[in-house]
């Protein structure tokens, strides 16, 4: 509950500042949010691919990894 209240307060402050921001600043913020979303989606894809690789190929111990890459 406390987290929700803090989040709501933060959103309120952000909205107040957004109302005062210039249009170009708003465009920059939107671009940053889009970049963040794309990065999150790429991270999720990479994670899923990693899990799939583990299922298909198993895993290596750190020692095995060092031997293969040395």
N, C-alpha and C. Protein backbone atom coordinates (compact mmCIF):
# COMPACT_ATOMS: atom_id res chain seq x y z
N UNK A 1 0.83 -1.20 0.00
CA UNK A 1 0.00 0.00 0.00
C UNK A 1 0.87 1.25 0.00
N UNK A 2 1.94 1.24 0.81
CA UNK A 2 2.81 2.40 0.89
C UNK A 2 3.47 2.68 -0.46
N UNK A 3 3.86 1.62 -1.17
CA UNK A 3 4.48 1.77 -2.48
C UNK A 3 3.52 2.44 -3.45
N UNK A 4 2.25 2.04 -3.43
CA UNK A 4 1.24 2.63 -4.32
C UNK A 4 1.08 4.11 -4.01
N UNK A 5 1.06 4.48 -2.76
CA UNK A 5 0.91 5.88 -2.36
C UNK A 5 2.11 6.69 -2.84
N UNK A 6 3.33 6.14 -2.67
CA UNK A 6 4.53 6.84 -3.12
C UNK A 6 4.52 6.99 -4.63
N UNK A 7 4.08 5.94 -5.32
CA UNK A 7 4.02 5.99 -6.78
C UNK A 7 3.03 7.05 -7.24
N UNK A 8 1.86 7.09 -6.60
CA UNK A 8 0.85 8.08 -6.96
C UNK A 8 1.37 9.50 -6.73
N UNK A 9 2.08 9.70 -5.63
CA UNK A 9 2.65 11.02 -5.34
C UNK A 9 3.69 11.39 -6.38
N UNK A 10 4.51 10.43 -6.77
CA UNK A 10 5.54 10.68 -7.78
C UNK A 10 4.91 11.02 -9.13
N UNK A 11 3.89 10.27 -9.51
CA UNK A 11 3.19 10.54 -10.76
C UNK A 11 2.56 11.93 -10.75
N UNK A 12 2.02 12.32 -9.62
CA UNK A 12 1.40 13.65 -9.50
C UNK A 12 2.45 14.74 -9.72
N UNK A 13 3.61 14.60 -9.09
CA UNK A 13 4.68 15.60 -9.24
C UNK A 13 5.18 15.63 -10.67
N UNK A 14 5.33 14.46 -11.28
CA UNK A 14 5.79 14.39 -12.68
C UNK A 14 4.77 15.08 -13.59
N UNK A 15 3.51 14.79 -13.39
CA UNK A 15 2.47 15.43 -14.21
C UNK A 15 2.49 16.95 -14.08
N UNK A 16 2.71 17.44 -12.87
CA UNK A 16 2.78 18.89 -12.66
C UNK A 16 3.94 19.48 -13.45
N UNK A 17 5.07 18.79 -13.44
CA UNK A 17 6.24 19.27 -14.18
C UNK A 17 6.04 19.16 -15.69
N UNK A 18 5.37 18.11 -16.13
CA UNK A 18 5.10 17.94 -17.56
C UNK A 18 4.23 19.07 -18.09
N UNK A 19 3.30 19.54 -17.28
CA UNK A 19 2.43 20.63 -17.69
C UNK A 19 3.23 21.91 -17.94
N UNK A 20 4.37 22.05 -17.28
CA UNK A 20 5.19 23.25 -17.41
C UNK A 20 6.28 23.12 -18.48
N UNK A 21 6.50 21.91 -18.97
CA UNK A 21 7.61 21.65 -19.88
C UNK A 21 7.33 22.16 -21.29
N UNK A 22 8.42 22.50 -21.99
CA UNK A 22 8.33 22.90 -23.40
C UNK A 22 8.04 21.67 -24.26
N UNK A 23 7.50 21.92 -25.44
CA UNK A 23 7.15 20.82 -26.35
C UNK A 23 8.35 19.96 -26.71
N UNK A 24 9.51 20.59 -26.95
CA UNK A 24 10.68 19.81 -27.32
C UNK A 24 11.15 18.92 -26.17
N UNK A 25 10.96 19.39 -24.95
CA UNK A 25 11.29 18.58 -23.77
C UNK A 25 10.36 17.38 -23.69
N UNK A 26 9.09 17.61 -23.97
CA UNK A 26 8.12 16.51 -23.95
C UNK A 26 8.48 15.47 -25.01
N UNK A 27 8.92 15.92 -26.19
CA UNK A 27 9.34 14.99 -27.25
C UNK A 27 10.55 14.17 -26.80
N UNK A 28 11.50 14.82 -26.13
CA UNK A 28 12.68 14.11 -25.63
C UNK A 28 12.29 13.05 -24.60
N UNK A 29 11.38 13.41 -23.72
CA UNK A 29 10.92 12.47 -22.70
C UNK A 29 10.25 11.27 -23.35
N UNK A 30 9.40 11.54 -24.33
CA UNK A 30 8.72 10.46 -25.05
C UNK A 30 9.73 9.55 -25.74
N UNK A 31 10.74 10.13 -26.36
CA UNK A 31 11.77 9.34 -27.02
C UNK A 31 12.52 8.46 -26.02
N UNK A 32 12.84 9.02 -24.87
CA UNK A 32 13.54 8.24 -23.84
C UNK A 32 12.68 7.08 -23.33
N UNK A 33 11.40 7.34 -23.16
CA UNK A 33 10.50 6.27 -22.71
C UNK A 33 10.40 5.17 -23.75
N UNK A 34 10.36 5.55 -25.03
CA UNK A 34 10.30 4.55 -26.10
C UNK A 34 11.57 3.72 -26.14
N UNK A 35 12.72 4.39 -25.97
CA UNK A 35 14.00 3.67 -25.95
C UNK A 35 14.02 2.69 -24.80
N UNK A 36 13.58 3.13 -23.65
CA UNK A 36 13.56 2.26 -22.46
C UNK A 36 12.68 1.04 -22.71
N UNK A 37 11.51 1.25 -23.33
CA UNK A 37 10.60 0.15 -23.62
C UNK A 37 11.25 -0.84 -24.59
N UNK A 38 11.93 -0.33 -25.62
CA UNK A 38 12.60 -1.19 -26.59
C UNK A 38 13.72 -1.99 -25.92
N UNK A 39 14.46 -1.35 -25.02
CA UNK A 39 15.52 -2.05 -24.30
C UNK A 39 14.95 -3.14 -23.41
N UNK A 40 13.85 -2.84 -22.74
CA UNK A 40 13.21 -3.84 -21.88
C UNK A 40 12.73 -5.03 -22.70
N UNK A 41 12.14 -4.75 -23.86
CA UNK A 41 11.66 -5.83 -24.73
C UNK A 41 12.82 -6.67 -25.23
N UNK A 42 13.94 -6.03 -25.58
CA UNK A 42 15.13 -6.77 -26.04
C UNK A 42 15.68 -7.63 -24.90
N UNK A 43 15.70 -7.09 -23.68
CA UNK A 43 16.17 -7.87 -22.53
C UNK A 43 15.29 -9.10 -22.31
N UNK A 44 13.99 -8.92 -22.43
CA UNK A 44 13.07 -10.04 -22.26
C UNK A 44 13.30 -11.11 -23.33
N UNK A 45 13.50 -10.68 -24.60
CA UNK A 45 13.78 -11.64 -25.68
C UNK A 45 15.08 -12.39 -25.42
N UNK A 46 16.12 -11.65 -25.01
CA UNK A 46 17.41 -12.28 -24.73
C UNK A 46 17.28 -13.30 -23.60
N UNK A 47 16.52 -12.95 -22.58
CA UNK A 47 16.31 -13.86 -21.45
C UNK A 47 15.61 -15.14 -21.91
N UNK A 48 14.55 -14.98 -22.69
CA UNK A 48 13.82 -16.14 -23.19
C UNK A 48 14.70 -17.01 -24.08
N UNK A 49 15.52 -16.37 -24.93
CA UNK A 49 16.43 -17.13 -25.78
C UNK A 49 17.46 -17.87 -24.94
N UNK A 50 17.92 -17.25 -23.87
CA UNK A 50 18.86 -17.91 -22.96
C UNK A 50 18.25 -19.12 -22.31
N UNK A 51 17.01 -19.00 -21.87
CA UNK A 51 16.32 -20.16 -21.27
C UNK A 51 16.15 -21.28 -22.29
N UNK A 52 15.79 -20.91 -23.52
CA UNK A 52 15.62 -21.90 -24.57
C UNK A 52 16.95 -22.61 -24.85
N UNK A 53 18.04 -21.85 -24.87
CA UNK A 53 19.36 -22.43 -25.10
C UNK A 53 19.73 -23.40 -23.99
N UNK A 54 19.41 -23.05 -22.76
CA UNK A 54 19.70 -23.94 -21.63
C UNK A 54 18.94 -25.25 -21.77
N UNK A 55 17.68 -25.16 -22.17
CA UNK A 55 16.86 -26.36 -22.35
C UNK A 55 17.44 -27.23 -23.46
N UNK A 56 17.85 -26.60 -24.55
CA UNK A 56 18.35 -27.35 -25.70
C UNK A 56 19.77 -27.86 -25.51
N UNK A 57 20.63 -27.07 -24.88
CA UNK A 57 22.05 -27.40 -24.82
C UNK A 57 22.60 -27.66 -23.43
N UNK A 58 21.78 -27.49 -22.42
CA UNK A 58 22.28 -27.67 -21.05
C UNK A 58 23.10 -26.47 -20.62
N UNK A 59 23.81 -26.63 -19.52
CA UNK A 59 24.62 -25.54 -19.00
C UNK A 59 26.05 -26.01 -18.79
N UNK A 60 26.94 -25.05 -18.57
CA UNK A 60 28.34 -25.33 -18.29
C UNK A 60 28.68 -24.81 -16.90
N UNK A 61 29.62 -25.48 -16.24
CA UNK A 61 30.15 -24.91 -15.01
C UNK A 61 31.12 -23.81 -15.40
N UNK A 62 31.49 -22.99 -14.44
CA UNK A 62 32.43 -21.90 -14.72
C UNK A 62 33.76 -22.48 -15.20
N UNK A 63 34.20 -23.57 -14.60
CA UNK A 63 35.46 -24.21 -15.00
C UNK A 63 35.39 -24.68 -16.44
N UNK A 64 34.29 -25.30 -16.83
CA UNK A 64 34.12 -25.75 -18.21
C UNK A 64 34.15 -24.57 -19.18
N UNK A 65 33.50 -23.50 -18.80
CA UNK A 65 33.48 -22.30 -19.63
C UNK A 65 34.90 -21.75 -19.82
N UNK A 66 35.66 -21.70 -18.74
CA UNK A 66 37.04 -21.19 -18.80
C UNK A 66 37.90 -22.08 -19.71
N UNK A 67 37.71 -23.38 -19.61
CA UNK A 67 38.50 -24.29 -20.44
C UNK A 67 38.17 -24.12 -21.90
N UNK A 68 36.89 -23.94 -22.22
CA UNK A 68 36.48 -23.80 -23.61
C UNK A 68 36.92 -22.48 -24.22
N UNK A 69 37.00 -21.43 -23.41
CA UNK A 69 37.34 -20.11 -23.93
C UNK A 69 38.82 -19.79 -23.81
N UNK A 70 39.59 -20.64 -23.17
CA UNK A 70 41.04 -20.38 -22.99
C UNK A 70 41.81 -20.71 -24.24
